[in-house]
Amino acid sequence: MRSVKSKGNKSTEQKLIEIFKKNKLKGWRRNYPLYGKPDIVFPRLRVVVFADGCFWHGHNCRNTKPSDNAEYWKKKIERNKKRDRLVTKTLRSKGWKVVRLWECEINKNKFLRKINSIKEAKKNI
């Protein structure tokens, strides 16, 4: 698990960037200094995008639960979920629109509705 990096993940961030480029979505930034360290930020639109890994953020799509050190992983994932809720609440209270995409949604292109909502926001500026 130590080899899993929080930035530049090919199954989430890199694939999302490819999709943004393919759909001609511009104006996004990475490594934008904002609470919660969003993966991608559209500063002018005040939209942040988090590409959440299903295992790390507790999505039940795969239903994988490690048998080794199970209590540790259960607590770890619960802390991650709690932190995600706090980050979302804090950013929304500051006027940001928060979009959270699951790894499985990105891999299966099941999030295009969310991408279209970002496109619509761009048209209104």
N, C-alpha and C. Protein backbone atom coordinates (compact mmCIF):
# COMPACT_ATOMS: atom_id res chain seq x y z
N MET A 1 0.82 -1.20 0.00
CA MET A 1 0.00 0.00 0.00
C MET A 1 0.86 1.26 0.00
N ARG A 2 2.08 1.13 0.46
CA ARG A 2 2.97 2.29 0.52
C ARG A 2 3.28 2.81 -0.87
N SER A 3 3.22 1.95 -1.87
CA SER A 3 3.56 2.37 -3.23
C SER A 3 2.46 3.18 -3.91
N VAL A 4 1.26 3.23 -3.32
CA VAL A 4 0.16 4.00 -3.88
C VAL A 4 0.37 5.47 -3.55
N LYS A 5 0.46 6.30 -4.59
CA LYS A 5 0.72 7.72 -4.42
C LYS A 5 -0.57 8.52 -4.47
N SER A 6 -0.57 9.68 -3.79
CA SER A 6 -1.78 10.50 -3.74
C SER A 6 -1.91 11.43 -4.93
N LYS A 7 -0.86 11.61 -5.70
CA LYS A 7 -0.90 12.50 -6.86
C LYS A 7 -0.50 11.75 -8.11
N GLY A 8 -1.09 12.11 -9.24
CA GLY A 8 -0.72 11.54 -10.52
C GLY A 8 -1.16 10.11 -10.73
N ASN A 9 -2.18 9.67 -10.02
CA ASN A 9 -2.67 8.31 -10.13
C ASN A 9 -3.25 8.09 -11.53
N LYS A 10 -2.79 7.05 -12.21
CA LYS A 10 -3.20 6.82 -13.60
C LYS A 10 -4.67 6.41 -13.73
N SER A 11 -5.23 5.74 -12.72
CA SER A 11 -6.61 5.27 -12.84
C SER A 11 -7.62 6.36 -12.51
N THR A 12 -7.16 7.45 -11.91
CA THR A 12 -8.11 8.52 -11.56
C THR A 12 -7.69 9.84 -12.19
N GLU A 13 -6.70 10.49 -11.63
CA GLU A 13 -6.33 11.84 -12.08
C GLU A 13 -5.92 11.90 -13.54
N GLN A 14 -5.01 11.06 -13.96
CA GLN A 14 -4.51 11.11 -15.33
C GLN A 14 -5.62 10.82 -16.34
N LYS A 15 -6.46 9.85 -16.03
CA LYS A 15 -7.56 9.53 -16.93
C LYS A 15 -8.56 10.69 -16.99
N LEU A 16 -8.80 11.33 -15.86
CA LEU A 16 -9.71 12.47 -15.81
C LEU A 16 -9.17 13.62 -16.66
N ILE A 17 -7.87 13.87 -16.57
CA ILE A 17 -7.26 14.93 -17.37
C ILE A 17 -7.41 14.64 -18.86
N GLU A 18 -7.20 13.39 -19.26
CA GLU A 18 -7.40 12.99 -20.65
C GLU A 18 -8.84 13.29 -21.10
N ILE A 19 -9.79 12.97 -20.24
CA ILE A 19 -11.20 13.18 -20.58
C ILE A 19 -11.50 14.67 -20.68
N PHE A 20 -10.95 15.48 -19.76
CA PHE A 20 -11.15 16.93 -19.83
C PHE A 20 -10.61 17.48 -21.15
N LYS A 21 -9.43 17.02 -21.54
CA LYS A 21 -8.84 17.49 -22.80
C LYS A 21 -9.67 17.05 -24.00
N LYS A 22 -10.13 15.81 -23.97
CA LYS A 22 -10.94 15.27 -25.07
C LYS A 22 -12.24 16.06 -25.21
N ASN A 23 -12.83 16.48 -24.08
CA ASN A 23 -14.08 17.24 -24.09
C ASN A 23 -13.86 18.75 -24.17
N LYS A 24 -12.61 19.15 -24.41
CA LYS A 24 -12.24 20.56 -24.57
C LYS A 24 -12.63 21.42 -23.37
N LEU A 25 -12.50 20.84 -22.17
CA LEU A 25 -12.73 21.60 -20.95
C LEU A 25 -11.44 22.32 -20.59
N LYS A 26 -11.49 23.63 -20.54
CA LYS A 26 -10.29 24.42 -20.26
C LYS A 26 -10.50 25.22 -18.98
N GLY A 27 -9.41 25.79 -18.50
CA GLY A 27 -9.49 26.64 -17.32
C GLY A 27 -9.29 25.90 -16.01
N TRP A 28 -8.89 24.63 -16.08
CA TRP A 28 -8.67 23.88 -14.85
C TRP A 28 -7.22 23.95 -14.44
N ARG A 29 -7.00 23.77 -13.16
CA ARG A 29 -5.65 23.81 -12.59
C ARG A 29 -5.45 22.62 -11.67
N ARG A 30 -4.22 22.16 -11.60
CA ARG A 30 -3.83 21.13 -10.63
C ARG A 30 -2.98 21.79 -9.57
N ASN A 31 -2.86 21.14 -8.43
CA ASN A 31 -2.04 21.65 -7.32
C ASN A 31 -2.44 23.07 -6.92
N TYR A 32 -3.71 23.36 -7.00
CA TYR A 32 -4.22 24.68 -6.63
C TYR A 32 -4.28 24.75 -5.10
N PRO A 33 -3.75 25.82 -4.50
CA PRO A 33 -3.68 25.88 -3.04
C PRO A 33 -5.05 26.13 -2.40
N LEU A 34 -5.75 25.06 -2.13
CA LEU A 34 -7.09 25.14 -1.59
C LEU A 34 -7.26 24.05 -0.54
N TYR A 35 -8.08 24.33 0.46
CA TYR A 35 -8.32 23.37 1.55
C TYR A 35 -8.78 22.03 0.99
N GLY A 36 -8.21 20.96 1.49
CA GLY A 36 -8.59 19.62 1.08
C GLY A 36 -7.79 19.10 -0.10
N LYS A 37 -6.96 19.92 -0.70
CA LYS A 37 -6.12 19.55 -1.84
C LYS A 37 -6.91 18.86 -2.96
N PRO A 38 -7.84 19.60 -3.58
CA PRO A 38 -8.59 19.00 -4.68
C PRO A 38 -7.67 18.59 -5.82
N ASP A 39 -8.08 17.57 -6.56
CA ASP A 39 -7.28 17.09 -7.68
C ASP A 39 -7.27 18.09 -8.83
N ILE A 40 -8.42 18.67 -9.10
CA ILE A 40 -8.55 19.64 -10.19
C ILE A 40 -9.46 20.77 -9.72
N VAL A 41 -9.08 22.00 -10.07
CA VAL A 41 -9.85 23.17 -9.68
C VAL A 41 -10.11 24.03 -10.92
N PHE A 42 -11.34 24.48 -11.05
CA PHE A 42 -11.73 25.47 -12.05
C PHE A 42 -11.91 26.78 -11.29
N PRO A 43 -10.84 27.59 -11.14
CA PRO A 43 -10.91 28.77 -10.27
C PRO A 43 -11.99 29.77 -10.67
N ARG A 44 -12.13 30.07 -11.96
CA ARG A 44 -13.12 31.06 -12.39
C ARG A 44 -14.55 30.59 -12.14
N LEU A 45 -14.76 29.29 -12.23
CA LEU A 45 -16.10 28.73 -12.01
C LEU A 45 -16.36 28.44 -10.54
N ARG A 46 -15.30 28.44 -9.75
CA ARG A 46 -15.37 28.06 -8.34
C ARG A 46 -15.89 26.63 -8.19
N VAL A 47 -15.30 25.74 -9.01
CA VAL A 47 -15.64 24.32 -9.00
C VAL A 47 -14.37 23.53 -8.66
N VAL A 48 -14.49 22.61 -7.71
CA VAL A 48 -13.39 21.71 -7.39
C VAL A 48 -13.80 20.28 -7.70
N VAL A 49 -12.83 19.50 -8.18
CA VAL A 49 -13.10 18.11 -8.53
C VAL A 49 -12.15 17.22 -7.74
N PHE A 50 -12.74 16.23 -7.07
CA PHE A 50 -11.97 15.22 -6.36
C PHE A 50 -12.16 13.91 -7.09
N ALA A 51 -11.07 13.24 -7.44
CA ALA A 51 -11.12 11.92 -8.05
C ALA A 51 -10.78 10.93 -6.94
N ASP A 52 -11.81 10.35 -6.33
CA ASP A 52 -11.64 9.49 -5.15
C ASP A 52 -11.48 8.03 -5.54
N GLY A 53 -10.42 7.41 -5.04
CA GLY A 53 -10.22 5.98 -5.23
C GLY A 53 -11.26 5.21 -4.43
N CYS A 54 -11.86 4.21 -5.05
CA CYS A 54 -12.96 3.48 -4.41
C CYS A 54 -12.53 2.82 -3.10
N PHE A 55 -11.39 2.18 -3.07
CA PHE A 55 -10.95 1.52 -1.84
C PHE A 55 -10.67 2.53 -0.75
N TRP A 56 -9.89 3.55 -1.06
CA TRP A 56 -9.42 4.50 -0.05
C TRP A 56 -10.52 5.37 0.53
N HIS A 57 -11.58 5.59 -0.24
CA HIS A 57 -12.65 6.49 0.22
C HIS A 57 -13.95 5.75 0.53
N GLY A 58 -13.89 4.42 0.55
CA GLY A 58 -15.00 3.62 1.06
C GLY A 58 -16.18 3.43 0.15
N HIS A 59 -15.95 3.44 -1.16
CA HIS A 59 -17.06 3.16 -2.08
C HIS A 59 -17.31 1.65 -2.10
N ASN A 60 -18.55 1.25 -2.19
CA ASN A 60 -18.87 -0.18 -2.07
C ASN A 60 -18.98 -0.89 -3.41
N CYS A 61 -18.41 -0.33 -4.46
CA CYS A 61 -18.56 -0.93 -5.79
C CYS A 61 -17.86 -2.28 -5.91
N ARG A 62 -16.72 -2.42 -5.28
CA ARG A 62 -15.97 -3.67 -5.38
C ARG A 62 -16.17 -4.55 -4.16
N ASN A 63 -16.59 -3.93 -3.09
CA ASN A 63 -16.81 -4.65 -1.83
C ASN A 63 -15.57 -5.41 -1.37
N THR A 64 -14.40 -4.82 -1.57
CA THR A 64 -13.17 -5.47 -1.12
C THR A 64 -12.81 -4.95 0.27
N LYS A 65 -12.58 -5.88 1.14
CA LYS A 65 -12.17 -5.54 2.50
C LYS A 65 -10.97 -6.41 2.85
N PRO A 66 -9.85 -5.77 3.18
CA PRO A 66 -8.67 -6.58 3.51
C PRO A 66 -8.91 -7.46 4.73
N SER A 67 -8.43 -8.69 4.67
CA SER A 67 -8.58 -9.58 5.82
C SER A 67 -7.41 -9.39 6.80
N ASP A 68 -6.26 -9.00 6.29
CA ASP A 68 -5.12 -8.71 7.16
C ASP A 68 -5.31 -7.33 7.78
N ASN A 69 -5.19 -7.26 9.08
CA ASN A 69 -5.27 -6.00 9.80
C ASN A 69 -6.60 -5.28 9.52
N ALA A 70 -7.67 -6.02 9.51
CA ALA A 70 -8.99 -5.52 9.11
C ALA A 70 -9.46 -4.34 9.94
N GLU A 71 -9.22 -4.35 11.23
CA GLU A 71 -9.68 -3.25 12.09
C GLU A 71 -8.97 -1.95 11.74
N TYR A 72 -7.67 -2.03 11.46
CA TYR A 72 -6.92 -0.85 11.06
C TYR A 72 -7.52 -0.23 9.79
N TRP A 73 -7.77 -1.07 8.78
CA TRP A 73 -8.29 -0.56 7.50
C TRP A 73 -9.69 0.00 7.66
N LYS A 74 -10.49 -0.63 8.48
CA LYS A 74 -11.85 -0.12 8.72
C LYS A 74 -11.78 1.30 9.31
N LYS A 75 -10.93 1.49 10.32
CA LYS A 75 -10.79 2.81 10.94
C LYS A 75 -10.19 3.82 9.96
N LYS A 76 -9.20 3.39 9.18
CA LYS A 76 -8.54 4.27 8.21
C LYS A 76 -9.55 4.79 7.19
N ILE A 77 -10.36 3.91 6.64
CA ILE A 77 -11.33 4.31 5.63
C ILE A 77 -12.41 5.19 6.24
N GLU A 78 -12.83 4.90 7.45
CA GLU A 78 -13.81 5.75 8.13
C GLU A 78 -13.26 7.16 8.36
N ARG A 79 -11.98 7.25 8.74
CA ARG A 79 -11.35 8.58 8.90
C ARG A 79 -11.33 9.33 7.56
N ASN A 80 -11.02 8.62 6.48
CA ASN A 80 -11.00 9.24 5.16
C ASN A 80 -12.38 9.77 4.78
N LYS A 81 -13.42 8.96 5.04
CA LYS A 81 -14.79 9.38 4.71
C LYS A 81 -15.20 10.60 5.54
N LYS A 82 -14.83 10.60 6.81
CA LYS A 82 -15.15 11.73 7.68
C LYS A 82 -14.44 12.99 7.19
N ARG A 83 -13.16 12.86 6.82
CA ARG A 83 -12.41 13.99 6.30
C ARG A 83 -13.02 14.49 4.98
N ASP A 84 -13.44 13.58 4.12
CA ASP A 84 -14.08 13.97 2.85
C ASP A 84 -15.33 14.81 3.11
N ARG A 85 -16.15 14.39 4.09
CA ARG A 85 -17.36 15.15 4.41
C ARG A 85 -17.02 16.54 4.92
N LEU A 86 -16.00 16.63 5.77
CA LEU A 86 -15.58 17.92 6.31
C LEU A 86 -15.06 18.84 5.20
N VAL A 87 -14.23 18.31 4.32
CA VAL A 87 -13.68 19.10 3.21
C VAL A 87 -14.81 19.60 2.32
N THR A 88 -15.73 18.73 1.96
CA THR A 88 -16.86 19.12 1.11
C THR A 88 -17.68 20.22 1.78
N LYS A 89 -18.01 20.03 3.03
CA LYS A 89 -18.81 21.01 3.77
C LYS A 89 -18.09 22.36 3.85
N THR A 90 -16.81 22.34 4.14
CA THR A 90 -16.03 23.57 4.27
C THR A 90 -15.95 24.32 2.94
N LEU A 91 -15.64 23.61 1.87
CA LEU A 91 -15.54 24.27 0.57
C LEU A 91 -16.88 24.83 0.11
N ARG A 92 -17.96 24.08 0.33
CA ARG A 92 -19.28 24.57 -0.05
C ARG A 92 -19.64 25.82 0.74
N SER A 93 -19.27 25.86 2.01
CA SER A 93 -19.57 27.04 2.83
C SER A 93 -18.80 28.27 2.35
N LYS A 94 -17.72 28.04 1.61
CA LYS A 94 -16.93 29.14 1.06
C LYS A 94 -17.31 29.47 -0.38
N GLY A 95 -18.40 28.88 -0.86
CA GLY A 95 -18.91 29.21 -2.18
C GLY A 95 -18.39 28.37 -3.33
N TRP A 96 -17.75 27.26 -3.05
CA TRP A 96 -17.25 26.37 -4.09
C TRP A 96 -18.26 25.27 -4.38
N LYS A 97 -18.36 24.88 -5.63
CA LYS A 97 -19.15 23.70 -6.00
C LYS A 97 -18.18 22.52 -5.96
N VAL A 98 -18.57 21.47 -5.25
CA VAL A 98 -17.70 20.31 -5.08
C VAL A 98 -18.25 19.15 -5.91
N VAL A 99 -17.39 18.60 -6.77
CA VAL A 99 -17.74 17.43 -7.57
C VAL A 99 -16.81 16.30 -7.15
N ARG A 100 -17.39 15.21 -6.69
CA ARG A 100 -16.60 14.04 -6.30
C ARG A 100 -16.89 12.92 -7.29
N LEU A 101 -15.84 12.41 -7.89
CA LEU A 101 -15.95 11.32 -8.86
C LEU A 101 -15.29 10.08 -8.29
N TRP A 102 -15.98 8.96 -8.39
CA TRP A 102 -15.41 7.70 -7.94
C TRP A 102 -14.53 7.12 -9.04
N GLU A 103 -13.52 6.41 -8.63
CA GLU A 103 -12.60 5.74 -9.55
C GLU A 103 -13.37 4.86 -10.54
N CYS A 104 -14.37 4.13 -10.06
CA CYS A 104 -15.14 3.24 -10.95
C CYS A 104 -15.95 4.03 -11.96
N GLU A 105 -16.44 5.23 -11.59
CA GLU A 105 -17.16 6.09 -12.52
C GLU A 105 -16.24 6.58 -13.63
N ILE A 106 -15.03 6.94 -13.25
CA ILE A 106 -14.06 7.43 -14.23
C ILE A 106 -13.69 6.31 -15.19
N ASN A 107 -13.43 5.14 -14.66
CA ASN A 107 -13.02 4.01 -15.50
C ASN A 107 -14.11 3.56 -16.46
N LYS A 108 -15.36 3.74 -16.08
CA LYS A 108 -16.48 3.29 -16.93
C LYS A 108 -17.16 4.46 -17.63
N ASN A 109 -16.57 5.65 -17.53
CA ASN A 109 -17.15 6.86 -18.15
C ASN A 109 -18.60 7.08 -17.74
N LYS A 110 -18.92 6.83 -16.48
CA LYS A 110 -20.29 7.00 -15.98
C LYS A 110 -20.49 8.33 -15.28
N PHE A 111 -19.65 9.30 -15.57
CA PHE A 111 -19.74 10.56 -14.87
C PHE A 111 -19.95 11.73 -15.83
N LEU A 112 -20.28 11.45 -17.07
CA LEU A 112 -20.38 12.50 -18.07
C LEU A 112 -21.43 13.55 -17.71
N ARG A 113 -22.46 13.16 -16.97
CA ARG A 113 -23.46 14.13 -16.52
C ARG A 113 -22.80 15.19 -15.65
N LYS A 114 -21.89 14.76 -14.79
CA LYS A 114 -21.19 15.70 -13.92
C LYS A 114 -20.27 16.61 -14.74
N ILE A 115 -19.63 16.07 -15.76
CA ILE A 115 -18.78 16.88 -16.64
C ILE A 115 -19.62 17.90 -17.38
N ASN A 116 -20.79 17.47 -17.85
CA ASN A 116 -21.68 18.39 -18.55
C ASN A 116 -22.14 19.53 -17.65
N SER A 117 -22.28 19.27 -16.35
CA SER A 117 -22.67 20.35 -15.44
C SER A 117 -21.55 21.39 -15.33
N ILE A 118 -20.29 20.94 -15.43
CA ILE A 118 -19.18 21.88 -15.43
C ILE A 118 -19.19 22.69 -16.72
N LYS A 119 -19.47 22.04 -17.85
CA LYS A 119 -19.56 22.75 -19.13
C LYS A 119 -20.64 23.81 -19.09
N GLU A 120 -21.79 23.47 -18.50
CA GLU A 120 -22.89 24.43 -18.41
C GLU A 120 -22.50 25.63 -17.54
N ALA A 121 -21.78 25.38 -16.47
CA ALA A 121 -21.32 26.47 -15.61
C ALA A 121 -20.40 27.41 -16.38
N LYS A 122 -19.56 26.84 -17.27
CA LYS A 122 -18.66 27.67 -18.07
C LYS A 122 -19.45 28.57 -19.03
N LYS A 123 -20.55 28.06 -19.56
CA LYS A 123 -21.36 28.87 -20.50
C LYS A 123 -21.98 30.06 -19.81
N ASN A 124 -22.25 29.94 -18.51
CA ASN A 124 -22.92 31.00 -17.80
C ASN A 124 -21.98 32.11 -17.33
N ILE A 125 -20.70 31.96 -17.59
CA ILE A 125 -19.74 33.02 -17.20
C ILE A 125 -19.43 33.91 -18.37
